[in-house]
Amino acid sequence: MKILKYKLLKDFWKKHPEAEDPLKRWAELVENIDWKSHAELKETFPAADYVGNDRYVFNISGNKFRMVTVVVFFNGFLHVRFVGTHAEYDKIKNIKTI
C-alpha cells in the first residue's frame, strides 16, 4: 500500500519520540502489503476498527496512540488522516469527517 501523508507520522513522533519505533514498524508493514479487501486488512491487523466512510482506526503501541486512515483498496493507498494520543482521539467529534 502507498501511504499518503506520511509526514503526519513524522511530525507526531517528533513530539512523542516513544511513538517513532511503533509507527515505523506499522508503516513498514503497510508499505509491503497489498490489501484488496477489508478481510485482508483484518487478517493483518485484527484490532483495526472500520468506522465507516472508508476509515479505519489503528491502535499503535498497545492503544497508547491511535491513527485514523482512509483505505482505498482498489487504488492501493492508505491516507493517514489523524495520528494522536488516545486522549486526543477521544476528543474527535465525528471521525467520519476527518
Protein backbone atom coordinates (compact mmCIF):
# COMPACT_ATOMS: atom_id res chain seq x y z
CA MET A 1 0.00 0.00 0.00
CA LYS A 2 1.15 3.52 -0.66
CA ILE A 3 0.96 5.68 2.47
CA LEU A 4 -0.22 9.22 1.84
CA LYS A 5 0.53 11.94 4.42
CA TYR A 6 3.46 10.02 5.94
CA LYS A 7 4.61 13.44 7.18
CA LEU A 8 1.86 13.35 9.82
CA LEU A 9 3.56 10.32 11.34
CA LYS A 10 6.96 12.01 11.35
CA ASP A 11 5.55 15.20 12.88
CA PHE A 12 3.83 13.16 15.58
CA TRP A 13 6.88 11.16 16.60
CA LYS A 14 8.92 14.36 16.84
CA LYS A 15 6.51 15.42 19.61
CA HIS A 16 6.22 11.89 21.01
CA PRO A 17 9.57 10.12 20.49
CA GLU A 18 8.26 6.93 22.09
CA ALA A 19 5.89 6.58 19.12
CA GLU A 20 8.66 6.57 16.49
CA ASP A 21 9.57 2.87 16.52
CA PRO A 22 5.98 1.57 16.65
CA LEU A 23 4.89 3.92 13.84
CA LYS A 24 7.87 3.00 11.68
CA ARG A 25 7.17 -0.73 12.18
CA TRP A 26 3.49 -0.18 11.30
CA ALA A 27 4.41 1.84 8.18
CA GLU A 28 6.99 -0.70 7.01
CA LEU A 29 4.45 -3.48 7.26
CA VAL A 30 1.75 -1.49 5.45
CA GLU A 31 4.09 -0.39 2.66
CA ASN A 32 5.00 -4.01 1.94
CA ILE A 33 1.46 -5.34 1.71
CA ASP A 34 -1.24 -5.02 -0.92
CA TRP A 35 -4.64 -5.41 0.68
CA LYS A 36 -7.50 -5.98 -1.72
CA SER A 37 -10.28 -6.12 0.88
CA HIS A 38 -11.42 -5.40 4.39
CA ALA A 39 -10.93 -9.08 5.25
CA GLU A 40 -7.27 -8.96 4.21
CA LEU A 41 -6.66 -5.82 6.28
CA LYS A 42 -8.27 -7.53 9.30
CA GLU A 43 -6.04 -10.58 8.83
CA THR A 44 -3.02 -8.30 9.26
CA PHE A 45 -4.50 -6.05 11.96
CA PRO A 46 -7.36 -7.84 13.76
CA ALA A 47 -7.78 -4.95 16.21
CA ALA A 48 -8.22 -2.33 13.47
CA ASP A 49 -11.71 -0.87 13.57
CA TYR A 50 -13.72 0.03 10.50
CA VAL A 51 -15.69 3.16 11.42
CA GLY A 52 -17.41 3.88 8.10
CA ASN A 53 -16.70 6.13 5.14
CA ASP A 54 -13.59 4.06 4.23
CA ARG A 55 -11.98 4.96 7.57
CA TYR A 56 -10.03 2.57 9.76
CA VAL A 57 -8.69 3.21 13.25
CA PHE A 58 -5.41 1.53 14.15
CA ASN A 59 -4.18 1.12 17.71
CA ILE A 60 -0.47 1.84 17.99
CA SER A 61 1.81 0.85 20.86
CA GLY A 62 -0.78 -1.06 22.86
CA ASN A 63 -3.50 1.54 22.18
CA LYS A 64 -1.41 4.37 23.63
CA PHE A 65 -1.70 6.08 20.26
CA ARG A 66 -4.41 5.97 17.61
CA MET A 67 -4.37 6.58 13.92
CA VAL A 68 -7.30 7.27 11.60
CA THR A 69 -6.78 6.39 7.96
CA VAL A 70 -8.74 6.18 4.75
CA VAL A 71 -8.03 2.93 2.93
CA VAL A 72 -8.80 2.69 -0.79
CA PHE A 73 -8.27 -0.94 -1.67
CA PHE A 74 -8.75 -0.71 -5.45
CA ASN A 75 -6.13 2.08 -5.73
CA GLY A 76 -3.76 0.53 -3.23
CA PHE A 77 -3.34 3.52 -0.97
CA LEU A 78 -3.80 4.37 2.67
CA HIS A 79 -4.25 8.04 3.55
CA VAL A 80 -3.26 8.99 7.12
CA ARG A 81 -5.85 11.47 8.36
CA PHE A 82 -5.03 11.66 12.07
CA VAL A 83 -2.43 10.35 14.48
CA GLY A 84 -2.54 11.22 18.16
CA THR A 85 -2.69 10.06 21.70
CA HIS A 86 -5.70 8.11 22.85
CA ALA A 87 -6.87 11.20 24.77
CA GLU A 88 -6.62 13.35 21.61
CA TYR A 89 -8.53 10.72 19.66
CA ASP A 90 -11.31 10.74 22.25
CA LYS A 91 -11.89 14.45 21.55
CA ILE A 92 -12.81 13.83 17.90
CA LYS A 93 -16.47 14.70 17.38
CA ASN A 94 -17.11 12.96 14.05
CA ILE A 95 -14.47 10.52 12.91
CA LYS A 96 -16.14 10.09 9.52
CA THR A 97 -15.28 13.64 8.53
CA ILE A 98 -11.58 13.58 9.38
